[in-house]
Amino acid sequence: MFSFDWHQKFMDIAVYAATNPWQFLYYVFMFLTPMFIISGYLAYRLAKDIDRNEKAKRAKSQQQTNIAKVRRHAKRD
């Protein structure tokens, strides 16, 4: 149905990069810069989410420990 020659497309890009290296690099960086910005933002959000989850786990663990201490002291009295 759709015939696409990957080898020919790669060769066209390679020839273009060889004949216009600065323009090729400009286009590559123009495409990659937003991707790096998005990647950095998502990595930052992921790190914050992981920290938030770890903090919540520690708080819940501390709460369970405190509840257990109160119950032990209540049994002694």
C-alpha atoms as a PDB file:
ATOM      1  CA  MET A   1       0.000   0.000   0.000  1.00  0.00           C
ATOM      2  CA  PHE A   2       2.530   2.597   1.141  1.00  0.00           C
ATOM      3  CA  SER A   3       5.996   2.145  -0.181  1.00  0.00           C
ATOM      4  CA  PHE A   4       8.667   4.064   1.720  1.00  0.00           C
ATOM      5  CA  ASP A   5      12.342   3.530   1.011  1.00  0.00           C
ATOM      6  CA  TRP A   6      14.155   4.153   4.314  1.00  0.00           C
ATOM      7  CA  HIS A   7      17.576   3.671   2.800  1.00  0.00           C
ATOM      8  CA  GLN A   8      16.987   6.345   0.170  1.00  0.00           C
ATOM      9  CA  LYS A   9      15.555   8.746   2.760  1.00  0.00           C
ATOM     10  CA  PHE A  10      18.617   8.229   4.994  1.00  0.00           C
ATOM     11  CA  MET A  11      20.925   8.823   2.042  1.00  0.00           C
ATOM     12  CA  ASP A  12      19.072  12.051   1.176  1.00  0.00           C
ATOM     13  CA  ILE A  13      19.539  13.283   4.746  1.00  0.00           C
ATOM     14  CA  ALA A  14      23.220  12.252   4.745  1.00  0.00           C
ATOM     15  CA  VAL A  15      23.843  14.106   1.479  1.00  0.00           C
ATOM     16  CA  TYR A  16      22.029  17.174   2.808  1.00  0.00           C
ATOM     17  CA  ALA A  17      24.092  17.061   6.027  1.00  0.00           C
ATOM     18  CA  ALA A  18      27.296  16.763   3.999  1.00  0.00           C
ATOM     19  CA  THR A  19      26.446  19.659   1.697  1.00  0.00           C
ATOM     20  CA  ASN A  20      24.951  22.000   4.362  1.00  0.00           C
ATOM     21  CA  PRO A  21      26.493  20.999   7.703  1.00  0.00           C
ATOM     22  CA  TRP A  22      25.768  24.234   9.604  1.00  0.00           C
ATOM     23  CA  GLN A  23      22.190  24.418   8.453  1.00  0.00           C
ATOM     24  CA  PHE A  24      21.730  20.719   9.254  1.00  0.00           C
ATOM     25  CA  LEU A  25      23.092  21.236  12.777  1.00  0.00           C
ATOM     26  CA  TYR A  26      20.885  24.292  13.188  1.00  0.00           C
ATOM     27  CA  TYR A  27      17.797  22.241  12.326  1.00  0.00           C
ATOM     28  CA  VAL A  28      18.866  19.386  14.597  1.00  0.00           C
ATOM     29  CA  PHE A  29      19.417  21.718  17.560  1.00  0.00           C
ATOM     30  CA  MET A  30      16.211  23.585  16.784  1.00  0.00           C
ATOM     31  CA  PHE A  31      14.349  20.282  17.030  1.00  0.00           C
ATOM     32  CA  LEU A  32      16.228  18.881  20.039  1.00  0.00           C
ATOM     33  CA  THR A  33      16.201  21.970  22.277  1.00  0.00           C
ATOM     34  CA  PRO A  34      12.472  21.820  23.079  1.00  0.00           C
ATOM     35  CA  MET A  35      12.786  18.071  23.640  1.00  0.00           C
ATOM     36  CA  PHE A  36      15.569  18.619  26.187  1.00  0.00           C
ATOM     37  CA  ILE A  37      13.541  21.322  27.928  1.00  0.00           C
ATOM     38  CA  ILE A  38      10.495  19.059  28.129  1.00  0.00           C
ATOM     39  CA  SER A  39      12.651  16.165  29.330  1.00  0.00           C
ATOM     40  CA  GLY A  40      14.223  18.307  32.053  1.00  0.00           C
ATOM     41  CA  TYR A  41      10.827  19.554  33.219  1.00  0.00           C
ATOM     42  CA  LEU A  42       9.399  16.027  33.365  1.00  0.00           C
ATOM     43  CA  ALA A  43      12.476  14.757  35.235  1.00  0.00           C
ATOM     44  CA  TYR A  44      12.049  17.594  37.743  1.00  0.00           C
ATOM     45  CA  ARG A  45       8.374  16.746  38.226  1.00  0.00           C
ATOM     46  CA  LEU A  46       9.195  13.049  38.654  1.00  0.00           C
ATOM     47  CA  ALA A  47      11.862  13.821  41.274  1.00  0.00           C
ATOM     48  CA  LYS A  48       9.438  16.027  43.200  1.00  0.00           C
ATOM     49  CA  ASP A  49       6.732  13.341  43.044  1.00  0.00           C
ATOM     50  CA  ILE A  50       9.143  10.664  44.288  1.00  0.00           C
ATOM     51  CA  ASP A  51      10.239  12.921  47.168  1.00  0.00           C
ATOM     52  CA  ARG A  52       6.614  13.648  48.053  1.00  0.00           C
ATOM     53  CA  ASN A  53       5.767   9.929  48.085  1.00  0.00           C
ATOM     54  CA  GLU A  54       8.788   9.079  50.241  1.00  0.00           C
ATOM     55  CA  LYS A  55       7.899  11.866  52.674  1.00  0.00           C
ATOM     56  CA  ALA A  56       4.320  10.575  52.915  1.00  0.00           C
ATOM     57  CA  LYS A  57       5.572   7.029  53.554  1.00  0.00           C
ATOM     58  CA  ARG A  58       7.885   8.251  56.299  1.00  0.00           C
ATOM     59  CA  ALA A  59       5.091  10.272  57.891  1.00  0.00           C
ATOM     60  CA  LYS A  60       2.728   7.292  57.788  1.00  0.00           C
ATOM     61  CA  SER A  61       5.407   5.030  59.261  1.00  0.00           C
ATOM     62  CA  GLN A  62       6.114   7.546  62.017  1.00  0.00           C
ATOM     63  CA  GLN A  63       2.381   7.843  62.695  1.00  0.00           C
ATOM     64  CA  GLN A  64       2.048   4.054  62.990  1.00  0.00           C
ATOM     65  CA  THR A  65       5.031   3.962  65.344  1.00  0.00           C
ATOM     66  CA  ASN A  66       3.542   6.679  67.519  1.00  0.00           C
ATOM     67  CA  ILE A  67       0.164   4.930  67.618  1.00  0.00           C
ATOM     68  CA  ALA A  68       1.873   1.705  68.684  1.00  0.00           C
ATOM     69  CA  LYS A  69       3.748   3.552  71.458  1.00  0.00           C
ATOM     70  CA  VAL A  70       0.536   5.143  72.732  1.00  0.00           C
ATOM     71  CA  ARG A  71      -1.241   1.782  72.768  1.00  0.00           C
ATOM     72  CA  ARG A  72       1.619   0.154  74.689  1.00  0.00           C
ATOM     73  CA  HIS A  73       1.584   2.939  77.264  1.00  0.00           C
ATOM     74  CA  ALA A  74      -2.196   2.780  77.548  1.00  0.00           C
ATOM     75  CA  LYS A  75      -2.047  -0.967  78.312  1.00  0.00           C
ATOM     76  CA  ARG A  76       0.461  -0.409  81.117  1.00  0.00           C
ATOM     77  CA  ASP A  77      -1.724   2.161  82.839  1.00  0.00           C
END
